[in-house]
Protein backbone atom coordinates (compact mmCIF):
# COMPACT_ATOMS: atom_id res chain seq x y z
CA UNK A 1 -21.48 17.74 -45.98
CA UNK A 2 -22.99 14.27 -45.75
CA UNK A 3 -19.52 12.68 -45.65
CA UNK A 4 -18.48 14.98 -42.82
CA UNK A 5 -21.64 14.13 -40.88
CA UNK A 6 -20.99 10.38 -41.34
CA UNK A 7 -17.42 10.74 -40.03
CA UNK A 8 -18.66 12.68 -36.99
CA UNK A 9 -21.33 10.06 -36.27
CA UNK A 10 -18.71 7.28 -36.45
CA UNK A 11 -16.46 9.11 -33.98
CA UNK A 12 -19.40 9.66 -31.64
CA UNK A 13 -20.36 5.99 -31.82
CA UNK A 14 -16.80 4.81 -31.18
CA UNK A 15 -16.06 7.26 -28.35
CA UNK A 16 -18.16 5.33 -25.73
CA UNK A 17 -16.17 2.21 -26.59
CA UNK A 18 -12.91 4.03 -25.91
CA UNK A 19 -14.30 5.51 -22.69
CA UNK A 20 -15.59 2.12 -21.46
CA UNK A 21 -12.27 0.45 -22.31
CA UNK A 22 -10.48 3.28 -20.46
CA UNK A 23 -12.71 2.74 -17.42
CA UNK A 24 -11.89 -0.99 -17.42
CA UNK A 25 -8.18 -0.18 -17.76
CA UNK A 26 -8.41 2.23 -14.82
CA UNK A 27 -10.22 -0.37 -12.70
CA UNK A 28 -7.53 -2.95 -13.49
CA UNK A 29 -4.80 -0.46 -12.52
CA UNK A 30 -6.66 0.38 -9.30
CA UNK A 31 -6.97 -3.33 -8.48
CA UNK A 32 -3.26 -3.79 -9.15
CA UNK A 33 -2.44 -0.75 -6.99
CA UNK A 34 -4.65 -2.09 -4.17
CA UNK A 35 -2.91 -5.47 -4.36
CA UNK A 36 0.49 -3.78 -4.19
CA UNK A 37 -0.69 -1.72 -1.19
CA UNK A 38 -1.82 -4.92 0.57
CA UNK A 39 1.53 -6.56 -0.15
CA UNK A 40 3.33 -3.46 1.07
CA UNK A 41 1.23 -3.39 4.27
CA UNK A 42 2.18 -7.03 4.89
CA UNK A 43 5.87 -6.27 4.27
CA UNK A 44 5.76 -3.24 6.57
CA UNK A 45 4.01 -5.33 9.26
CA UNK A 46 6.71 -8.01 8.96
CA UNK A 47 9.34 -5.29 9.01
CA UNK A 48 7.87 -3.84 12.20
CA UNK A 49 7.80 -7.29 13.83
CA UNK A 50 11.37 -7.94 12.71
CA UNK A 51 12.52 -4.62 14.16
CA UNK A 52 10.80 -5.40 17.47
CA UNK A 53 12.43 -8.83 17.53
CA UNK A 54 15.79 -7.25 16.67
CA UNK A 55 15.42 -4.85 19.60
CA UNK A 56 14.63 -7.80 21.87
CA UNK A 57 17.68 -9.67 20.55
CA UNK A 58 19.90 -6.63 21.11
CA UNK A 59 18.60 -6.32 24.68
CA UNK A 60 19.13 -10.04 25.25
CA UNK A 61 22.62 -9.74 23.78
CA UNK A 62 23.41 -6.84 26.11
CA UNK A 63 22.19 -8.87 29.08
CA UNK A 64 24.27 -11.86 28.00
CA UNK A 65 27.33 -9.66 27.57
CA UNK A 66 26.74 -8.29 31.07
CA UNK A 67 26.41 -11.86 32.38
CA UNK A 68 29.62 -12.80 30.60
CA UNK A 69 31.37 -9.81 32.13
CA UNK A 70 30.06 -10.81 35.59
CA UNK A 71 31.16 -14.39 34.99
CA UNK A 72 34.57 -13.24 33.80
CA UNK A 73 34.87 -11.12 36.95
CA UNK A 74 33.78 -14.08 39.07
CA UNK A 75 36.26 -16.36 37.28
CA UNK A 76 39.01 -13.81 37.79
CA UNK A 77 38.14 -13.39 41.47
CA UNK A 78 37.87 -17.17 41.91
CA UNK A 79 41.20 -17.71 40.21
CA UNK A 80 42.66 -14.99 42.42
CA UNK A 81 41.20 -16.70 45.49
CA UNK A 82 42.60 -20.03 44.30
CA UNK A 83 46.00 -18.43 43.79
CA UNK A 84 45.87 -16.81 47.21
CA UNK A 85 44.80 -20.08 48.80
CA UNK A 86 47.54 -21.96 47.01
CA UNK A 87 50.04 -19.32 48.21
CA UNK A 88 48.69 -19.73 51.73
CA UNK A 89 48.95 -23.51 51.35
CA UNK A 90 52.54 -23.12 50.20
CA UNK A 91 53.27 -20.87 53.19
CA UNK A 92 51.62 -23.32 55.58
CA UNK A 93 53.46 -26.21 53.97
CA UNK A 94 56.72 -24.27 54.45
CA UNK A 95 55.84 -23.65 58.09
CA UNK A 96 54.91 -27.31 58.52
CA UNK A 97 58.22 -28.30 56.98
CA UNK A 98 60.00 -25.86 59.32
CA UNK A 99 58.04 -27.23 62.29
CA UNK A 100 58.85 -30.75 61.23
CA UNK A 101 62.51 -29.72 61.02
CA UNK A 102 62.34 -28.17 64.53
CA UNK A 103 60.51 -31.20 65.84
CA UNK A 104 63.15 -33.41 64.31
CA UNK A 105 65.90 -31.22 65.87
CA UNK A 106 64.16 -31.31 69.26
CA UNK A 107 63.69 -35.00 68.95
CA UNK A 108 67.40 -35.31 68.27
CA UNK A 109 68.18 -33.16 71.36
CA UNK A 110 65.78 -35.20 73.45
CA UNK A 111 67.30 -38.38 72.13
CA UNK A 112 70.81 -37.06 72.90
CA UNK A 113 69.65 -35.96 76.37
CA UNK A 114 68.06 -39.35 76.88
CA UNK A 115 71.29 -40.98 75.77
CA UNK A 116 73.17 -38.87 78.32
CA UNK A 117 70.66 -39.78 81.01
CA UNK A 118 70.87 -43.37 79.95
CA UNK A 119 74.63 -43.21 80.31
CA UNK A 120 74.22 -41.76 83.79
CA UNK A 121 71.64 -44.33 84.65
CA UNK A 122 73.97 -47.00 83.39
CA UNK A 123 76.81 -45.51 85.44
CA UNK A 124 74.52 -45.47 88.46
CA UNK A 125 73.68 -49.10 87.92
CA UNK A 126 77.34 -50.01 87.71
CA UNK A 127 78.33 -47.92 90.71
CA UNK A 128 75.15 -48.40 92.72
CA UNK A 129 72.17 -46.21 93.19
CA UNK A 130 72.25 -42.66 92.23
CA UNK A 131 71.83 -41.51 95.74
CA UNK A 132 74.84 -43.43 96.80
CA UNK A 133 76.90 -41.83 94.10
CA UNK A 134 75.73 -38.39 95.09
CA UNK A 135 76.54 -39.20 98.77
CA UNK A 136 80.00 -40.32 97.83
CA UNK A 137 80.53 -37.08 95.98
CA UNK A 138 79.31 -35.13 98.95
CA UNK A 139 81.32 -37.10 101.47
CA UNK A 140 84.37 -36.72 99.43
CA UNK A 141 84.39 -33.00 100.27
CA UNK A 142 87.62 -31.75 101.77
CA UNK A 143 86.01 -29.15 104.04
CA UNK A 144 82.62 -27.82 104.91
CA UNK A 145 82.63 -25.17 102.24
CA UNK A 146 83.49 -27.79 99.64
CA UNK A 147 80.72 -29.92 101.12
CA UNK A 148 78.15 -27.16 100.72
CA UNK A 149 79.40 -26.40 97.24
CA UNK A 150 79.08 -30.03 96.20
CA UNK A 151 75.56 -30.29 97.62
CA UNK A 152 74.49 -27.14 95.69
CA UNK A 153 76.15 -28.34 92.51
CA UNK A 154 74.54 -31.77 92.68
CA UNK A 155 71.12 -30.12 93.31
CA UNK A 156 71.56 -27.83 90.35
CA UNK A 157 72.64 -30.69 88.08
CA UNK A 158 69.65 -32.78 89.06
CA UNK A 159 67.27 -29.86 88.73
CA UNK A 160 68.80 -28.82 85.39
CA UNK A 161 68.38 -32.32 84.07
CA UNK A 162 64.75 -32.40 85.14
CA UNK A 163 64.02 -28.89 83.80
CA UNK A 164 65.71 -29.65 80.51
CA UNK A 165 63.76 -32.84 80.05
CA UNK A 166 60.50 -31.10 80.96
CA UNK A 167 61.28 -28.18 78.59
CA UNK A 168 62.10 -30.60 75.81
CA UNK A 169 58.86 -32.40 76.40
CA UNK A 170 56.95 -29.06 76.42
CA UNK A 171 58.66 -27.91 73.23
CA UNK A 172 57.95 -31.21 71.60
CA UNK A 173 54.30 -30.94 72.64
CA UNK A 174 54.06 -27.37 71.30
CA UNK A 175 55.65 -28.41 68.05
CA UNK A 176 53.31 -31.33 67.76
CA UNK A 177 50.33 -29.04 68.50
CA UNK A 178 51.55 -26.48 65.92
CA UNK A 179 52.13 -29.27 63.44
CA UNK A 180 48.61 -30.57 64.06
CA UNK A 181 47.17 -27.09 63.68
CA UNK A 182 49.04 -26.50 60.44
CA UNK A 183 47.98 -29.86 59.15
CA UNK A 184 44.35 -28.91 59.95
CA UNK A 185 44.88 -25.58 58.14
CA UNK A 186 46.39 -27.46 55.21
CA UNK A 187 43.40 -29.80 55.13
CA UNK A 188 41.02 -26.82 55.28
CA UNK A 189 42.95 -24.98 52.58
CA UNK A 190 43.03 -28.07 50.41
CA UNK A 191 39.25 -28.35 50.95
CA UNK A 192 38.86 -24.68 50.00
CA UNK A 193 40.98 -25.24 46.92
CA UNK A 194 38.81 -28.17 45.97
CA UNK A 195 35.63 -26.11 46.48
CA UNK A 196 37.15 -23.20 44.54
CA UNK A 197 38.13 -25.53 41.72
CA UNK A 198 34.60 -26.96 41.64
CA UNK A 199 33.16 -23.42 41.68
CA UNK A 200 35.64 -22.43 39.00
CA UNK A 201 34.51 -25.40 36.89
CA UNK A 202 30.84 -24.43 37.37
CA UNK A 203 31.54 -20.78 36.52
CA UNK A 204 33.58 -21.85 33.49
CA UNK A 205 30.74 -24.13 32.39
CA UNK A 206 28.20 -21.34 32.85
CA UNK A 207 30.56 -18.98 31.05
CA UNK A 208 30.87 -21.37 28.10
CA UNK A 209 27.09 -21.89 27.97
CA UNK A 210 26.43 -18.14 28.16
CA UNK A 211 28.98 -17.54 25.43
CA UNK A 212 27.30 -20.19 23.30
CA UNK A 213 23.90 -18.50 23.84
CA UNK A 214 25.48 -15.12 23.06
CA UNK A 215 26.96 -16.48 19.83
CA UNK A 216 23.55 -17.88 18.90
CA UNK A 217 21.89 -14.53 19.67
CA UNK A 218 24.52 -12.73 17.61
CA UNK A 219 23.81 -15.12 14.76
CA UNK A 220 20.05 -14.48 15.16
CA UNK A 221 20.77 -10.76 15.22
CA UNK A 222 22.69 -11.03 11.95
CA UNK A 223 19.87 -13.06 10.41
CA UNK A 224 17.32 -10.54 11.69
CA UNK A 225 19.31 -7.62 10.27
CA UNK A 226 19.53 -9.46 6.93
CA UNK A 227 15.74 -10.05 7.06
CA UNK A 228 15.12 -6.37 7.84
CA UNK A 229 17.38 -5.36 4.95
CA UNK A 230 15.49 -7.74 2.66
CA UNK A 231 12.10 -6.39 3.85
CA UNK A 232 13.30 -2.80 3.37
CA UNK A 233 14.36 -3.65 -0.20
CA UNK A 234 10.98 -5.33 -0.83
CA UNK A 235 9.17 -2.27 0.56
CA UNK A 236 11.22 0.04 -1.66
CA UNK A 237 10.47 -2.16 -4.68
CA UNK A 238 6.74 -2.21 -3.89
CA UNK A 239 6.79 1.57 -3.33
CA UNK A 240 8.41 1.98 -6.74
CA UNK A 241 5.78 -0.30 -8.30
CA UNK A 242 3.01 1.65 -6.55
CA UNK A 243 4.45 4.93 -7.82
CA UNK A 244 4.57 3.52 -11.35
CA UNK A 245 0.96 2.31 -11.04
CA UNK A 246 -0.11 5.77 -9.81
CA UNK A 247 1.64 7.36 -12.77
CA UNK A 248 -0.10 4.93 -15.12
CA UNK A 249 -3.44 5.70 -13.43
CA UNK A 250 -2.81 9.44 -13.82
CA UNK A 251 -1.86 8.90 -17.47
CA UNK A 252 -5.00 6.81 -18.00
CA UNK A 253 -7.18 9.42 -16.28
CA UNK A 254 -5.52 12.14 -18.36
CA UNK A 255 -6.11 10.07 -21.51
CA UNK A 256 -9.75 9.51 -20.56
CA UNK A 257 -10.18 13.22 -19.86
CA UNK A 258 -8.68 14.03 -23.25
CA UNK A 259 -10.99 11.41 -24.81
CA UNK A 260 -13.95 12.96 -22.98
CA UNK A 261 -13.00 16.44 -24.14
CA UNK A 262 -12.54 15.11 -27.67
CA UNK A 263 -15.93 13.39 -27.43
CA UNK A 264 -17.49 16.64 -26.23
CA UNK A 265 -15.83 18.47 -29.11
CA UNK A 266 -17.12 15.85 -31.51
CA UNK A 267 -20.56 16.13 -29.91
CA UNK A 268 -20.47 19.90 -30.36
CA UNK A 269 -19.25 19.41 -33.93
CA UNK A 270 -22.11 16.97 -34.47
CA UNK A 271 -24.57 19.37 -32.88
CA UNK A 272 -23.18 22.20 -34.99
CA UNK A 273 -23.35 19.98 -38.07
CA UNK A 274 -26.92 19.09 -37.20
CA UNK A 275 -27.73 22.73 -36.64
CA UNK A 276 -26.11 23.66 -39.94
CA UNK A 277 -27.98 20.85 -41.63
CA UNK A 278 -31.17 22.00 -39.95
CA UNK A 279 -30.48 25.58 -41.01
CA UNK A 280 -29.75 24.41 -44.54
CA UNK A 281 -32.96 22.38 -44.57
CA UNK A 282 -34.83 25.40 -43.19
CA UNK A 283 -33.30 27.62 -45.89
CA UNK A 284 -34.20 25.04 -48.53
CA UNK A 285 -37.69 24.84 -47.06
CA UNK A 286 -37.99 28.62 -47.06
CA UNK A 287 -36.67 28.69 -50.62
CA UNK A 288 -39.18 25.99 -51.57
CA UNK A 289 -41.98 27.84 -49.83
CA UNK A 290 -40.90 31.04 -51.52
CA UNK A 291 -40.84 29.27 -54.87
CA UNK A 292 -44.25 27.77 -54.22
CA UNK A 293 -45.51 31.16 -53.12
CA UNK A 294 -44.05 32.66 -56.29
CA UNK A 295 -45.73 29.96 -58.39
CA UNK A 296 -49.01 30.59 -56.60
CA UNK A 297 -48.53 34.32 -57.17
CA UNK A 298 -47.83 33.63 -60.85
CA UNK A 299 -50.95 31.53 -61.00
CA UNK A 300 -52.91 34.26 -59.29
CA UNK A 301 -51.49 36.86 -61.68
CA UNK A 302 -52.34 34.65 -64.67
CA UNK A 303 -55.85 34.14 -63.27
CA UNK A 304 -56.17 37.87 -62.78
CA UNK A 305 -54.80 38.41 -66.27
CA UNK A 306 -57.34 35.98 -67.74
CA UNK A 307 -60.12 37.58 -65.73
CA UNK A 308 -58.94 40.98 -66.94
CA UNK A 309 -58.81 39.77 -70.55
CA UNK A 310 -62.25 38.27 -70.16
CA UNK A 311 -63.53 41.42 -68.61
CA UNK A 312 -61.87 43.44 -71.37
CA UNK A 313 -63.57 41.29 -73.98
CA UNK A 314 -66.88 41.74 -72.27
CA UNK A 315 -66.29 45.44 -71.99
CA UNK A 316 -65.27 45.57 -75.63
CA UNK A 317 -68.46 43.71 -76.59
CA UNK A 318 -70.62 46.16 -74.71
CA UNK A 319 -68.45 49.18 -75.56
CA UNK A 320 -70.69 50.40 -78.25
CA UNK A 321 -73.73 50.42 -76.02
CA UNK A 322 -72.15 51.67 -72.82
CA UNK A 323 -69.49 54.14 -73.83
CA UNK A 324 -70.14 56.54 -70.95
CA UNK A 325 -70.35 53.74 -68.43
CA UNK A 326 -67.08 52.33 -69.69
CA UNK A 327 -65.37 55.68 -69.38
CA UNK A 328 -66.62 55.94 -65.82
CA UNK A 329 -65.33 52.47 -65.00
CA UNK A 330 -61.92 53.20 -66.54
CA UNK A 331 -61.61 56.31 -64.44
CA UNK A 332 -62.48 54.36 -61.29
CA UNK A 333 -59.97 51.63 -62.14
CA UNK A 334 -57.24 54.18 -62.63
CA UNK A 335 -57.91 55.73 -59.25
CA UNK A 336 -57.84 52.29 -57.60
CA UNK A 337 -54.44 51.53 -59.15
CA UNK A 338 -53.06 54.83 -57.97
CA UNK A 339 -54.27 54.11 -54.41
CA UNK A 340 -52.65 50.63 -54.40
CA UNK A 341 -49.43 52.11 -55.71
CA UNK A 342 -49.54 54.76 -53.02
CA UNK A 343 -50.02 52.15 -50.23
CA UNK A 344 -47.25 50.08 -51.62
CA UNK A 345 -44.94 53.07 -51.66
CA UNK A 346 -46.00 54.03 -48.16
CA UNK A 347 -45.37 50.47 -46.93
CA UNK A 348 -41.99 50.50 -48.56
CA UNK A 349 -41.13 53.80 -46.95
CA UNK A 350 -42.31 52.60 -43.57
CA UNK A 351 -40.27 49.42 -43.92
CA UNK A 352 -37.24 51.42 -44.88
CA UNK A 353 -37.71 53.70 -41.92
CA UNK A 354 -38.16 50.81 -39.55
CA UNK A 355 -34.97 49.17 -40.84
CA UNK A 356 -32.95 52.31 -40.35
CA UNK A 357 -34.19 52.72 -36.81
CA UNK A 358 -33.81 48.98 -35.88
CA UNK A 359 -36.20 46.03 -35.62
CA UNK A 360 -38.57 45.24 -32.83
CA UNK A 361 -37.19 44.31 -29.39
CA UNK A 362 -37.41 40.58 -28.72
CA UNK A 363 -36.61 38.56 -25.59
CA UNK A 364 -33.65 36.16 -25.92
CA UNK A 365 -31.83 33.80 -23.49
CA UNK A 366 -28.20 34.99 -23.22
CA UNK A 367 -25.05 33.23 -22.01
CA UNK A 368 -21.35 34.09 -22.30
CA UNK A 369 -18.27 32.27 -23.61
CA UNK A 370 -14.50 32.75 -24.04
CA UNK A 371 -11.99 31.94 -26.77
CA UNK A 372 -10.59 29.07 -24.69
CA UNK A 373 -13.83 27.34 -23.72
CA UNK A 374 -14.20 23.56 -24.10
CA UNK A 375 -14.45 22.74 -27.81
CA UNK A 376 -13.71 26.34 -28.85
CA UNK A 377 -11.06 27.03 -31.51
CA UNK A 378 -10.73 30.76 -30.76
CA UNK A 379 -11.86 31.65 -34.31
CA UNK A 380 -15.49 32.60 -35.03
CA UNK A 381 -17.63 31.12 -37.75
CA UNK A 382 -16.99 34.20 -39.89
CA UNK A 383 -13.20 34.04 -39.36
CA UNK A 384 -12.58 36.54 -36.52
CA UNK A 385 -9.60 35.50 -34.32
CA UNK A 386 -10.84 36.16 -30.79
CA UNK A 387 -7.43 35.46 -29.22
CA UNK A 388 -5.91 38.22 -31.34
CA UNK A 389 -8.96 40.48 -30.78
CA UNK A 390 -9.97 40.08 -27.11
CA UNK A 391 -12.06 43.28 -27.20
CA UNK A 392 -14.18 42.21 -30.17
CA UNK A 393 -17.93 42.88 -29.74
CA UNK A 394 -19.12 39.49 -31.03
CA UNK A 395 -22.07 37.24 -30.28
CA UNK A 396 -22.96 33.71 -31.39
CA UNK A 397 -26.46 33.35 -32.88
CA UNK A 398 -28.75 30.90 -34.61
CA UNK A 399 -28.37 31.96 -38.28
CA UNK A 400 -31.98 30.94 -38.95
CA UNK A 401 -33.11 33.58 -36.42
CA UNK A 402 -30.42 36.28 -36.73
CA UNK A 403 -28.38 36.16 -39.97
CA UNK A 404 -24.59 36.08 -39.63
CA UNK A 405 -23.03 39.49 -40.22
CA UNK A 406 -25.98 41.37 -38.67
CA UNK A 407 -25.45 44.23 -36.24
CA UNK A 408 -27.43 43.47 -33.12
CA UNK A 409 -28.20 45.66 -30.13
CA UNK A 410 -28.51 44.00 -26.72
CA UNK A 411 -30.33 46.34 -24.37
CA UNK A 412 -28.05 47.40 -21.54
CA UNK A 413 -24.93 45.77 -23.06
CA UNK A 414 -24.27 47.56 -26.33
CA UNK A 415 -24.04 46.72 -30.01
CA UNK A 416 -22.52 43.44 -31.24
CA UNK A 417 -21.72 41.69 -34.52
CA UNK A 418 -23.45 38.34 -35.15
CA UNK A 419 -20.23 36.58 -36.24
CA UNK A 420 -20.31 33.14 -34.58
CA UNK A 421 -22.50 30.08 -34.02
CA UNK A 422 -22.66 27.35 -31.37
CA UNK A 423 -23.97 23.83 -31.01
CA UNK A 424 -26.28 24.87 -28.15
CA UNK A 425 -27.33 28.21 -29.72
CA UNK A 426 -30.69 27.39 -31.27
CA UNK A 427 -33.73 29.60 -31.63
CA UNK A 428 -33.96 32.68 -29.42
CA UNK A 429 -30.56 32.18 -27.81
CA UNK A 430 -27.35 34.20 -28.05
CA UNK A 431 -23.85 33.67 -26.62
CA UNK A 432 -21.88 36.84 -25.84
CA UNK A 433 -18.06 36.71 -26.25
CA UNK A 434 -16.07 37.85 -23.19
CA UNK A 435 -12.27 37.98 -22.89
CA UNK A 436 -12.17 37.02 -19.19
CA UNK A 437 -13.40 33.56 -18.10
CA UNK A 438 -14.42 34.76 -14.61
CA UNK A 439 -16.63 37.44 -16.23
CA UNK A 440 -18.22 34.79 -18.45
CA UNK A 441 -18.89 32.53 -15.45
CA UNK A 442 -20.30 35.46 -13.45
CA UNK A 443 -22.61 36.40 -16.35
CA UNK A 444 -24.29 32.98 -16.24
CA UNK A 445 -27.61 32.78 -18.08
CA UNK A 446 -29.90 35.82 -18.40
CA UNK A 447 -32.95 37.04 -20.29
CA UNK A 448 -32.14 40.08 -22.45
CA UNK A 449 -33.90 42.32 -24.96
CA UNK A 450 -32.43 42.09 -28.46
CA UNK A 451 -33.13 43.83 -31.76
CA UNK A 452 -31.46 43.53 -35.14
CA UNK A 453 -30.15 46.87 -36.43
CA UNK A 454 -29.11 45.79 -39.92
């Protein structure tokens, strides 16, 4: 018994150490979890910023692609305009060449006509003035009709020569004007081509710069996507670590709860051991008091015996003188013994009657318990399996007040067997077994009237 009590005391003393160490372990795990949560918050914040930046890069990339498309369209249109202008230049150059050819042809005609006129002029100089020549022609007419005919012919020749020269001069002027106009158009077209080429160069430069920016944005987008992927992986890793920490915390809490329950069980065992030790000491004390009372009774009986012997000696000494008185005294003593015997018998009968009808009603504090309560094994102190016998009428008592194995009546609740004990059941307390936990909780703590039947 003493060895068992020492072991229980050691467990009780060590249990706070385990609980305190468990508390420290839980605090460390909570600190680690909080640190992981902070790291995860930072990662998620960076991830959110990276996603916002990625959206901005995508928008910028879309805008740059639109600009590139516009620039490509502008380049295409500009190249088309350049091609059209070059075609127009070619056409104008062809017309200029044709005009130059016509001018050259007209110049040749004019030169030939001038040569013819020069020949005539030369002939006139050799033969005299032109008028004289014409007069000779006219005067050489054979008749009047021939005269008129020659005058008309000479007039027509002179007029034709003048008209032809004037027409040649007009044609030459028109050709020169057309040539000048086409040369102006060529100059303007060449200027347009130059402007278009400069614009084309600017657009091409802008196109190349925009493409360079787009390539840089695409590179940034790739880097941003890689960063987001990395942050997502870090977040997943931290989430996994956090989940592991939570599992460890739950395991630690579960372990502490089991340690607490074990400590409570050990405390109940200690309390039960103390109660048993107290009951044993009380029994030993009662046995010692009974022994002392027996010794005192023996002493009293011996004293009475000595007094009786002394009295008998005195009576024997005076017997001869007081025979009648002695007889009277003997008769009185006999009657007194019979009366004592009668009272003793009556007391015994009354006690027997009282036991058969039950003891006196006494007020007890009552609670209720189940087979699966904290620290309960499901088997009573006297060996009754409450799990196998859920309808058993059993109560837990303090054996120093109500002996185990007694039949006990609880007023208003029925008759029960005192078959169990409890660490908290001391003095005028009983604990009533109930199969249903909700009934036990609803019962709570009550004052009841109890009497021991047997």
